[in-house]
Amino acid sequence: HDLIFKESDHFIENTSSIMISTVFILITSSLTLEVLKSV
């Protein structure tokens, strides 16, 4: 029943957008210049 889960779906979409953006920042910030040069 889509309408029952509408708020949950919106919450998941918004949380996913925030977390995905955060993950990209965390992942790229964890890569050191030396490792990137070697890879």
PDB file of all heavy atoms in Angstrom:
ATOM      1  N   HIS A   1       0.852  -1.184   0.000  1.00  0.00           N
ATOM      2  CA  HIS A   1       0.000   0.000   0.000  1.00  0.00           C
ATOM      3  C   HIS A   1       0.890   1.238   0.000  1.00  0.00           C
ATOM      4  O   HIS A   1       1.387   1.666   1.034  1.00  0.00           O
ATOM      5  CB  HIS A   1      -0.929  -0.013   1.214  1.00  0.00           C
ATOM      6  CG  HIS A   1      -1.729  -1.281   1.322  1.00  0.00           C
ATOM      7  ND1 HIS A   1      -2.738  -1.592   0.435  1.00  0.00           N
ATOM      8  CD2 HIS A   1      -1.647  -2.330   2.181  1.00  0.00           C
ATOM      9  CE1 HIS A   1      -3.258  -2.767   0.761  1.00  0.00           C
ATOM     10  NE2 HIS A   1      -2.611  -3.239   1.806  1.00  0.00           N
ATOM     11  N   ASP A   2       1.061   1.806  -1.175  1.00  0.00           N
ATOM     12  CA  ASP A   2       2.042   2.876  -1.341  1.00  0.00           C
ATOM     13  C   ASP A   2       1.788   4.075  -0.451  1.00  0.00           C
ATOM     14  O   ASP A   2       2.716   4.668   0.088  1.00  0.00           O
ATOM     15  CB  ASP A   2       2.077   3.327  -2.800  1.00  0.00           C
ATOM     16  CG  ASP A   2       2.730   2.270  -3.684  1.00  0.00           C
ATOM     17  OD1 ASP A   2       3.167   1.248  -3.146  1.00  0.00           O
ATOM     18  OD2 ASP A   2       2.784   2.493  -4.875  1.00  0.00           O
ATOM     19  N   LEU A   3       0.512   4.475  -0.300  1.00  0.00           N
ATOM     20  CA  LEU A   3       0.220   5.675   0.473  1.00  0.00           C
ATOM     21  C   LEU A   3       0.598   5.501   1.937  1.00  0.00           C
ATOM     22  O   LEU A   3       0.990   6.465   2.597  1.00  0.00           O
ATOM     23  CB  LEU A   3      -1.269   6.034   0.344  1.00  0.00           C
ATOM     24  CG  LEU A   3      -1.708   6.505  -1.048  1.00  0.00           C
ATOM     25  CD1 LEU A   3      -3.205   6.777  -1.053  1.00  0.00           C
ATOM     26  CD2 LEU A   3      -0.951   7.760  -1.450  1.00  0.00           C
ATOM     27  N   ILE A   4       0.485   4.276   2.459  1.00  0.00           N
ATOM     28  CA  ILE A   4       0.852   4.031   3.844  1.00  0.00           C
ATOM     29  C   ILE A   4       2.344   4.278   4.043  1.00  0.00           C
ATOM     30  O   ILE A   4       2.778   4.798   5.064  1.00  0.00           O
ATOM     31  CB  ILE A   4       0.488   2.587   4.244  1.00  0.00           C
ATOM     32  CG1 ILE A   4      -1.035   2.405   4.200  1.00  0.00           C
ATOM     33  CG2 ILE A   4       1.018   2.238   5.625  1.00  0.00           C
ATOM     34  CD1 ILE A   4      -1.488   0.987   4.477  1.00  0.00           C
ATOM     35  N   PHE A   5       3.143   3.922   3.045  1.00  0.00           N
ATOM     36  CA  PHE A   5       4.593   4.024   3.166  1.00  0.00           C
ATOM     37  C   PHE A   5       5.143   5.308   2.546  1.00  0.00           C
ATOM     38  O   PHE A   5       6.351   5.441   2.396  1.00  0.00           O
ATOM     39  CB  PHE A   5       5.255   2.815   2.492  1.00  0.00           C
ATOM     40  CG  PHE A   5       5.081   1.530   3.241  1.00  0.00           C
ATOM     41  CD1 PHE A   5       4.011   0.702   2.981  1.00  0.00           C
ATOM     42  CD2 PHE A   5       5.979   1.156   4.218  1.00  0.00           C
ATOM     43  CE1 PHE A   5       3.841  -0.481   3.667  1.00  0.00           C
ATOM     44  CE2 PHE A   5       5.826  -0.029   4.913  1.00  0.00           C
ATOM     45  CZ  PHE A   5       4.749  -0.853   4.640  1.00  0.00           C
ATOM     46  N   LYS A   6       4.258   6.242   2.191  1.00  0.00           N
ATOM     47  CA  LYS A   6       4.723   7.432   1.484  1.00  0.00           C
ATOM     48  C   LYS A   6       5.722   8.228   2.325  1.00  0.00           C
ATOM     49  O   LYS A   6       6.775   8.640   1.837  1.00  0.00           O
ATOM     50  CB  LYS A   6       3.520   8.290   1.102  1.00  0.00           C
ATOM     51  CG  LYS A   6       3.864   9.481   0.219  1.00  0.00           C
ATOM     52  CD  LYS A   6       4.484   9.030  -1.090  1.00  0.00           C
ATOM     53  CE  LYS A   6       3.525   8.248  -1.945  1.00  0.00           C
ATOM     54  NZ  LYS A   6       4.132   7.860  -3.230  1.00  0.00           N
ATOM     55  N   GLU A   7       5.387   8.472   3.595  1.00  0.00           N
ATOM     56  CA  GLU A   7       6.302   9.228   4.453  1.00  0.00           C
ATOM     57  C   GLU A   7       7.618   8.483   4.632  1.00  0.00           C
ATOM     58  O   GLU A   7       8.695   9.087   4.637  1.00  0.00           O
ATOM     59  CB  GLU A   7       5.656   9.484   5.812  1.00  0.00           C
ATOM     60  CG  GLU A   7       4.581  10.566   5.801  1.00  0.00           C
ATOM     61  CD  GLU A   7       4.219  11.010   7.208  1.00  0.00           C
ATOM     62  OE1 GLU A   7       5.148  11.258   7.996  1.00  0.00           O
ATOM     63  OE2 GLU A   7       3.028  11.094   7.507  1.00  0.00           O
ATOM     64  N   SER A   8       7.527   7.157   4.778  1.00  0.00           N
ATOM     65  CA  SER A   8       8.739   6.352   4.943  1.00  0.00           C
ATOM     66  C   SER A   8       9.607   6.427   3.687  1.00  0.00           C
ATOM     67  O   SER A   8      10.835   6.570   3.784  1.00  0.00           O
ATOM     68  CB  SER A   8       8.350   4.900   5.236  1.00  0.00           C
ATOM     69  OG  SER A   8       9.496   4.087   5.334  1.00  0.00           O
ATOM     70  N   ASP A   9       8.962   6.350   2.504  1.00  0.00           N
ATOM     71  CA  ASP A   9       9.722   6.430   1.252  1.00  0.00           C
ATOM     72  C   ASP A   9      10.417   7.777   1.103  1.00  0.00           C
ATOM     73  O   ASP A   9      11.575   7.845   0.682  1.00  0.00           O
ATOM     74  CB  ASP A   9       8.791   6.184   0.057  1.00  0.00           C
ATOM     75  CG  ASP A   9       8.305   4.742  -0.003  1.00  0.00           C
ATOM     76  OD1 ASP A   9       8.930   3.885   0.647  1.00  0.00           O
ATOM     77  OD2 ASP A   9       7.295   4.475  -0.680  1.00  0.00           O
ATOM     78  N   HIS A  10       9.702   8.862   1.432  1.00  0.00           N
ATOM     79  CA  HIS A  10      10.314  10.194   1.356  1.00  0.00           C
ATOM     80  C   HIS A  10      11.486  10.314   2.321  1.00  0.00           C
ATOM     81  O   HIS A  10      12.528  10.889   1.987  1.00  0.00           O
ATOM     82  CB  HIS A  10       9.267  11.265   1.666  1.00  0.00           C
ATOM     83  CG  HIS A  10       8.259  11.439   0.571  1.00  0.00           C
ATOM     84  ND1 HIS A  10       7.063  12.085   0.763  1.00  0.00           N
ATOM     85  CD2 HIS A  10       8.265  11.055  -0.732  1.00  0.00           C
ATOM     86  CE1 HIS A  10       6.373  12.082  -0.368  1.00  0.00           C
ATOM     87  NE2 HIS A  10       7.084  11.460  -1.285  1.00  0.00           N
ATOM     88  N   PHE A  11      11.311   9.769   3.527  1.00  0.00           N
ATOM     89  CA  PHE A  11      12.390   9.814   4.521  1.00  0.00           C
ATOM     90  C   PHE A  11      13.620   9.069   4.013  1.00  0.00           C
ATOM     91  O   PHE A  11      14.750   9.550   4.127  1.00  0.00           O
ATOM     92  CB  PHE A  11      11.896   9.200   5.829  1.00  0.00           C
ATOM     93  CG  PHE A  11      12.953   9.066   6.885  1.00  0.00           C
ATOM     94  CD1 PHE A  11      13.348  10.165   7.626  1.00  0.00           C
ATOM     95  CD2 PHE A  11      13.562   7.839   7.130  1.00  0.00           C
ATOM     96  CE1 PHE A  11      14.339  10.043   8.604  1.00  0.00           C
ATOM     97  CE2 PHE A  11      14.541   7.716   8.096  1.00  0.00           C
ATOM     98  CZ  PHE A  11      14.931   8.816   8.844  1.00  0.00           C
ATOM     99  N   ILE A  12      13.387   7.885   3.421  1.00  0.00           N
ATOM    100  CA  ILE A  12      14.497   7.071   2.914  1.00  0.00           C
ATOM    101  C   ILE A  12      15.210   7.798   1.774  1.00  0.00           C
ATOM    102  O   ILE A  12      16.445   7.828   1.704  1.00  0.00           O
ATOM    103  CB  ILE A  12      13.986   5.694   2.459  1.00  0.00           C
ATOM    104  CG1 ILE A  12      13.550   4.879   3.669  1.00  0.00           C
ATOM    105  CG2 ILE A  12      15.063   4.944   1.677  1.00  0.00           C
ATOM    106  CD1 ILE A  12      12.823   3.607   3.315  1.00  0.00           C
ATOM    107  N   GLU A  13      14.426   8.417   0.859  1.00  0.00           N
ATOM    108  CA  GLU A  13      15.023   9.135  -0.271  1.00  0.00           C
ATOM    109  C   GLU A  13      15.877  10.301   0.210  1.00  0.00           C
ATOM    110  O   GLU A  13      17.010  10.497  -0.247  1.00  0.00           O
ATOM    111  CB  GLU A  13      13.924   9.638  -1.207  1.00  0.00           C
ATOM    112  CG  GLU A  13      13.221   8.532  -1.998  1.00  0.00           C
ATOM    113  CD  GLU A  13      12.046   9.048  -2.777  1.00  0.00           C
ATOM    114  OE1 GLU A  13      11.853  10.285  -2.795  1.00  0.00           O
ATOM    115  OE2 GLU A  13      11.300   8.244  -3.367  1.00  0.00           O
ATOM    116  N   ASN A  14      15.328  11.091   1.149  1.00  0.00           N
ATOM    117  CA  ASN A  14      16.066  12.254   1.645  1.00  0.00           C
ATOM    118  C   ASN A  14      17.304  11.833   2.427  1.00  0.00           C
ATOM    119  O   ASN A  14      18.384  12.419   2.272  1.00  0.00           O
ATOM    120  CB  ASN A  14      15.154  13.108   2.532  1.00  0.00           C
ATOM    121  CG  ASN A  14      14.001  13.730   1.766  1.00  0.00           C
ATOM    122  OD1 ASN A  14      14.105  13.960   0.562  1.00  0.00           O
ATOM    123  ND2 ASN A  14      12.894  13.992   2.429  1.00  0.00           N
ATOM    124  N   THR A  15      17.143  10.800   3.275  1.00  0.00           N
ATOM    125  CA  THR A  15      18.285  10.319   4.057  1.00  0.00           C
ATOM    126  C   THR A  15      19.359   9.746   3.138  1.00  0.00           C
ATOM    127  O   THR A  15      20.554   9.971   3.360  1.00  0.00           O
ATOM    128  CB  THR A  15      17.824   9.245   5.060  1.00  0.00           C
ATOM    129  OG1 THR A  15      16.759   9.759   5.858  1.00  0.00           O
ATOM    130  CG2 THR A  15      18.959   8.826   5.969  1.00  0.00           C
ATOM    131  N   SER A  16      18.919   9.015   2.104  1.00  0.00           N
ATOM    132  CA  SER A  16      19.887   8.432   1.164  1.00  0.00           C
ATOM    133  C   SER A  16      20.694   9.521   0.461  1.00  0.00           C
ATOM    134  O   SER A  16      21.916   9.391   0.300  1.00  0.00           O
ATOM    135  CB  SER A  16      19.166   7.566   0.133  1.00  0.00           C
ATOM    136  OG  SER A  16      18.491   6.508   0.748  1.00  0.00           O
ATOM    137  N   SER A  17      20.008  10.595   0.031  1.00  0.00           N
ATOM    138  CA  SER A  17      20.716  11.688  -0.654  1.00  0.00           C
ATOM    139  C   SER A  17      21.773  12.303   0.251  1.00  0.00           C
ATOM    140  O   SER A  17      22.908  12.554  -0.173  1.00  0.00           O
ATOM    141  CB  SER A  17      19.712  12.761  -1.088  1.00  0.00           C
ATOM    142  OG  SER A  17      18.767  12.241  -1.993  1.00  0.00           O
ATOM    143  N   ILE A  18      21.397  12.531   1.526  1.00  0.00           N
ATOM    144  CA  ILE A  18      22.342  13.134   2.471  1.00  0.00           C
ATOM    145  C   ILE A  18      23.503  12.191   2.743  1.00  0.00           C
ATOM    146  O   ILE A  18      24.680  12.587   2.730  1.00  0.00           O
ATOM    147  CB  ILE A  18      21.617  13.497   3.787  1.00  0.00           C
ATOM    148  CG1 ILE A  18      20.575  14.588   3.520  1.00  0.00           C
ATOM    149  CG2 ILE A  18      22.616  13.961   4.845  1.00  0.00           C
ATOM    150  CD1 ILE A  18      19.667  14.868   4.702  1.00  0.00           C
ATOM    151  N   MET A  19      23.183  10.903   2.968  1.00  0.00           N
ATOM    152  CA  MET A  19      24.236   9.944   3.321  1.00  0.00           C
ATOM    153  C   MET A  19      25.159   9.658   2.145  1.00  0.00           C
ATOM    154  O   MET A  19      26.372   9.501   2.325  1.00  0.00           O
ATOM    155  CB  MET A  19      23.590   8.658   3.832  1.00  0.00           C
ATOM    156  CG  MET A  19      22.840   8.836   5.142  1.00  0.00           C
ATOM    157  SD  MET A  19      22.161   7.299   5.790  1.00  0.00           S
ATOM    158  CE  MET A  19      23.649   6.482   6.333  1.00  0.00           C
ATOM    159  N   ILE A  20      24.588   9.576   0.927  1.00  0.00           N
ATOM    160  CA  ILE A  20      25.432   9.339  -0.247  1.00  0.00           C
ATOM    161  C   ILE A  20      26.406  10.497  -0.448  1.00  0.00           C
ATOM    162  O   ILE A  20      27.591  10.288  -0.728  1.00  0.00           O
ATOM    163  CB  ILE A  20      24.551   9.130  -1.494  1.00  0.00           C
ATOM    164  CG1 ILE A  20      23.868   7.754  -1.440  1.00  0.00           C
ATOM    165  CG2 ILE A  20      25.378   9.229  -2.780  1.00  0.00           C
ATOM    166  CD1 ILE A  20      22.842   7.540  -2.526  1.00  0.00           C
ATOM    167  N   SER A  21      25.897  11.727  -0.294  1.00  0.00           N
ATOM    168  CA  SER A  21      26.780  12.894  -0.416  1.00  0.00           C
ATOM    169  C   SER A  21      27.871  12.853   0.643  1.00  0.00           C
ATOM    170  O   SER A  21      29.044  13.148   0.367  1.00  0.00           O
ATOM    171  CB  SER A  21      25.959  14.177  -0.277  1.00  0.00           C
ATOM    172  OG  SER A  21      24.912  14.221  -1.222  1.00  0.00           O
ATOM    173  N   THR A  22      27.472  12.477   1.864  1.00  0.00           N
ATOM    174  CA  THR A  22      28.448  12.402   2.954  1.00  0.00           C
ATOM    175  C   THR A  22      29.488  11.329   2.688  1.00  0.00           C
ATOM    176  O   THR A  22      30.686  11.526   2.932  1.00  0.00           O
ATOM    177  CB  THR A  22      27.721  12.116   4.285  1.00  0.00           C
ATOM    178  OG1 THR A  22      26.708  13.091   4.496  1.00  0.00           O
ATOM    179  CG2 THR A  22      28.695  12.150   5.447  1.00  0.00           C
ATOM    180  N   VAL A  23      29.025  10.183   2.188  1.00  0.00           N
ATOM    181  CA  VAL A  23      29.949   9.073   1.903  1.00  0.00           C
ATOM    182  C   VAL A  23      30.976   9.481   0.851  1.00  0.00           C
ATOM    183  O   VAL A  23      32.175   9.192   0.999  1.00  0.00           O
ATOM    184  CB  VAL A  23      29.146   7.834   1.432  1.00  0.00           C
ATOM    185  CG1 VAL A  23      30.075   6.811   0.778  1.00  0.00           C
ATOM    186  CG2 VAL A  23      28.430   7.203   2.608  1.00  0.00           C
ATOM    187  N   PHE A  24      30.532  10.184  -0.206  1.00  0.00           N
ATOM    188  CA  PHE A  24      31.476  10.635  -1.228  1.00  0.00           C
ATOM    189  C   PHE A  24      32.543  11.547  -0.625  1.00  0.00           C
ATOM    190  O   PHE A  24      33.730  11.440  -0.940  1.00  0.00           O
ATOM    191  CB  PHE A  24      30.732  11.365  -2.348  1.00  0.00           C
ATOM    192  CG  PHE A  24      30.344  10.473  -3.491  1.00  0.00           C
ATOM    193  CD1 PHE A  24      29.014  10.260  -3.815  1.00  0.00           C
ATOM    194  CD2 PHE A  24      31.319   9.838  -4.243  1.00  0.00           C
ATOM    195  CE1 PHE A  24      28.650   9.425  -4.864  1.00  0.00           C
ATOM    196  CE2 PHE A  24      30.973   9.012  -5.301  1.00  0.00           C
ATOM    197  CZ  PHE A  24      29.641   8.804  -5.609  1.00  0.00           C
ATOM    198  N   ILE A  25      32.106  12.452   0.244  1.00  0.00           N
ATOM    199  CA  ILE A  25      33.066  13.371   0.880  1.00  0.00           C
ATOM    200  C   ILE A  25      34.039  12.601   1.761  1.00  0.00           C
ATOM    201  O   ILE A  25      35.261  12.825   1.724  1.00  0.00           O
ATOM    202  CB  ILE A  25      32.312  14.439   1.696  1.00  0.00           C
ATOM    203  CG1 ILE A  25      31.483  15.335   0.765  1.00  0.00           C
ATOM    204  CG2 ILE A  25      33.290  15.295   2.504  1.00  0.00           C
ATOM    205  CD1 ILE A  25      30.546  16.278   1.479  1.00  0.00           C
ATOM    206  N   LEU A  26      33.512  11.677   2.586  1.00  0.00           N
ATOM    207  CA  LEU A  26      34.368  10.917   3.494  1.00  0.00           C
ATOM    208  C   LEU A  26      35.351  10.035   2.732  1.00  0.00           C
ATOM    209  O   LEU A  26      36.532   9.929   3.101  1.00  0.00           O
ATOM    210  CB  LEU A  26      33.500  10.054   4.421  1.00  0.00           C
ATOM    211  CG  LEU A  26      32.652  10.808   5.447  1.00  0.00           C
ATOM    212  CD1 LEU A  26      31.750   9.841   6.196  1.00  0.00           C
ATOM    213  CD2 LEU A  26      33.543  11.562   6.429  1.00  0.00           C
ATOM    214  N   ILE A  27      34.855   9.400   1.671  1.00  0.00           N
ATOM    215  CA  ILE A  27      35.722   8.495   0.913  1.00  0.00           C
ATOM    216  C   ILE A  27      36.851   9.261   0.227  1.00  0.00           C
ATOM    217  O   ILE A  27      38.025   8.889   0.309  1.00  0.00           O
ATOM    218  CB  ILE A  27      34.897   7.702  -0.119  1.00  0.00           C
ATOM    219  CG1 ILE A  27      34.007   6.680   0.594  1.00  0.00           C
ATOM    220  CG2 ILE A  27      35.809   6.987  -1.118  1.00  0.00           C
ATOM    221  CD1 ILE A  27      33.055   5.950  -0.323  1.00  0.00           C
ATOM    222  N   THR A  28      36.492  10.340  -0.458  1.00  0.00           N
ATOM    223  CA  THR A  28      37.529  11.098  -1.167  1.00  0.00           C
ATOM    224  C   THR A  28      38.503  11.770  -0.197  1.00  0.00           C
ATOM    225  O   THR A  28      39.690  11.898  -0.500  1.00  0.00           O
ATOM    226  CB  THR A  28      36.881  12.173  -2.064  1.00  0.00           C
ATOM    227  OG1 THR A  28      35.957  12.949  -1.281  1.00  0.00           O
ATOM    228  CG2 THR A  28      36.135  11.530  -3.218  1.00  0.00           C
ATOM    229  N   SER A  29      38.014  12.191   0.974  1.00  0.00           N
ATOM    230  CA  SER A  29      38.914  12.828   1.940  1.00  0.00           C
ATOM    231  C   SER A  29      39.867  11.825   2.583  1.00  0.00           C
ATOM    232  O   SER A  29      40.921  12.204   3.111  1.00  0.00           O
ATOM    233  CB  SER A  29      38.095  13.533   3.030  1.00  0.00           C
ATOM    234  OG  SER A  29      37.342  12.595   3.771  1.00  0.00           O
ATOM    235  N   SER A  30      39.474  10.538   2.560  1.00  0.00           N
ATOM    236  CA  SER A  30      40.342   9.509   3.154  1.00  0.00           C
ATOM    237  C   SER A  30      41.455   9.066   2.209  1.00  0.00           C
ATOM    238  O   SER A  30      42.361   8.348   2.619  1.00  0.00           O
ATOM    239  CB  SER A  30      39.501   8.300   3.568  1.00  0.00           C
ATOM    240  OG  SER A  30      38.972   7.659   2.426  1.00  0.00           O
ATOM    241  N   LEU A  31      41.368   9.479   0.948  1.00  0.00           N
ATOM    242  CA  LEU A  31      42.394   9.089  -0.025  1.00  0.00           C
ATOM    243  C   LEU A  31      43.550  10.083   0.031  1.00  0.00           C
ATOM    244  O   LEU A  31      43.380  11.268  -0.228  1.00  0.00           O
ATOM    245  CB  LEU A  31      41.798   9.060  -1.436  1.00  0.00           C
ATOM    246  CG  LEU A  31      40.622   8.087  -1.662  1.00  0.00           C
ATOM    247  CD1 LEU A  31      40.065   8.266  -3.065  1.00  0.00           C
ATOM    248  CD2 LEU A  31      41.046   6.654  -1.423  1.00  0.00           C
ATOM    249  N   THR A  32      44.706   9.585   0.395  1.00  0.00           N
ATOM    250  CA  THR A  32      45.879  10.467   0.453  1.00  0.00           C
ATOM    251  C   THR A  32      46.465  10.661  -0.946  1.00  0.00           C
ATOM    252  O   THR A  32      46.228   9.855  -1.863  1.00  0.00           O
ATOM    253  CB  THR A  32      46.960   9.858   1.371  1.00  0.00           C
ATOM    254  OG1 THR A  32      47.395   8.614   0.803  1.00  0.00           O
ATOM    255  CG2 THR A  32      46.396   9.607   2.766  1.00  0.00           C
ATOM    256  N   LEU A  33      47.219  11.731  -1.109  1.00  0.00           N
ATOM    257  CA  LEU A  33      47.817  12.038  -2.408  1.00  0.00           C
ATOM    258  C   LEU A  33      48.795  10.951  -2.834  1.00  0.00           C
ATOM    259  O   LEU A  33      48.881  10.605  -4.010  1.00  0.00           O
ATOM    260  CB  LEU A  33      48.531  13.397  -2.329  1.00  0.00           C
ATOM    261  CG  LEU A  33      49.079  13.949  -3.651  1.00  0.00           C
ATOM    262  CD1 LEU A  33      47.949  14.158  -4.649  1.00  0.00           C
ATOM    263  CD2 LEU A  33      49.815  15.270  -3.403  1.00  0.00           C
ATOM    264  N   GLU A  34      49.521  10.379  -1.861  1.00  0.00           N
ATOM    265  CA  GLU A  34      50.488   9.333  -2.191  1.00  0.00           C
ATOM    266  C   GLU A  34      49.793   8.079  -2.746  1.00  0.00           C
ATOM    267  O   GLU A  34      50.233   7.481  -3.728  1.00  0.00           O
ATOM    268  CB  GLU A  34      51.305   8.954  -0.939  1.00  0.00           C
ATOM    269  CG  GLU A  34      52.278  10.024  -0.462  1.00  0.00           C
ATOM    270  CD  GLU A  34      51.578  11.194   0.214  1.00  0.00           C
ATOM    271  OE1 GLU A  34      50.393  11.024   0.606  1.00  0.00           O
ATOM    272  OE2 GLU A  34      52.181  12.266   0.319  1.00  0.00           O
ATOM    273  N   VAL A  35      48.664   7.712  -2.101  1.00  0.00           N
ATOM    274  CA  VAL A  35      47.934   6.534  -2.557  1.00  0.00           C
ATOM    275  C   VAL A  35      47.347   6.774  -3.939  1.00  0.00           C
ATOM    276  O   VAL A  35      47.405   5.903  -4.821  1.00  0.00           O
ATOM    277  CB  VAL A  35      46.817   6.174  -1.554  1.00  0.00           C
ATOM    278  CG1 VAL A  35      45.911   5.073  -2.115  1.00  0.00           C
ATOM    279  CG2 VAL A  35      47.411   5.733  -0.227  1.00  0.00           C
ATOM    280  N   LEU A  36      46.794   7.976  -4.149  1.00  0.00           N
ATOM    281  CA  LEU A  36      46.214   8.292  -5.461  1.00  0.00           C
ATOM    282  C   LEU A  36      47.273   8.246  -6.557  1.00  0.00           C
ATOM    283  O   LEU A  36      47.026   7.749  -7.660  1.00  0.00           O
ATOM    284  CB  LEU A  36      45.550   9.668  -5.421  1.00  0.00           C
ATOM    285  CG  LEU A  36      44.194   9.747  -4.718  1.00  0.00           C
ATOM    286  CD1 LEU A  36      43.728  11.188  -4.637  1.00  0.00           C
ATOM    287  CD2 LEU A  36      43.163   8.901  -5.458  1.00  0.00           C
ATOM    288  N   LYS A  37      48.458   8.788  -6.271  1.00  0.00           N
ATOM    289  CA  LYS A  37      49.530   8.782  -7.263  1.00  0.00           C
ATOM    290  C   LYS A  37      49.954   7.359  -7.604  1.00  0.00           C
ATOM    291  O   LYS A  37      50.244   7.042  -8.764  1.00  0.00           O
ATOM    292  CB  LYS A  37      50.730   9.573  -6.734  1.00  0.00           C
ATOM    293  CG  LYS A  37      50.543  11.085  -6.767  1.00  0.00           C
ATOM    294  CD  LYS A  37      51.784  11.788  -6.248  1.00  0.00           C
ATOM    295  CE  LYS A  37      51.618  13.313  -6.326  1.00  0.00           C
ATOM    296  NZ  LYS A  37      52.807  14.017  -5.778  1.00  0.00           N
ATOM    297  N   SER A  38      49.997   6.493  -6.583  1.00  0.00           N
ATOM    298  CA  SER A  38      50.429   5.111  -6.828  1.00  0.00           C
ATOM    299  C   SER A  38      49.357   4.309  -7.561  1.00  0.00           C
ATOM    300  O   SER A  38      49.671   3.362  -8.289  1.00  0.00           O
ATOM    301  CB  SER A  38      50.769   4.428  -5.495  1.00  0.00           C
ATOM    302  OG  SER A  38      49.622   4.400  -4.647  1.00  0.00           O
ATOM    303  N   VAL A  39      48.071   4.686  -7.358  1.00  0.00           N
ATOM    304  CA  VAL A  39      46.974   3.949  -7.996  1.00  0.00           C
ATOM    305  C   VAL A  39      46.723   4.437  -9.421  1.00  0.00           C
ATOM    306  O   VAL A  39      46.507   3.641 -10.340  1.00  0.00           O
ATOM    307  CB  VAL A  39      45.684   4.065  -7.150  1.00  0.00           C
ATOM    308  CG1 VAL A  39      44.486   3.532  -7.925  1.00  0.00           C
ATOM    309  CG2 VAL A  39      45.835   3.298  -5.853  1.00  0.00           C
TER     310      VAL A  39
END
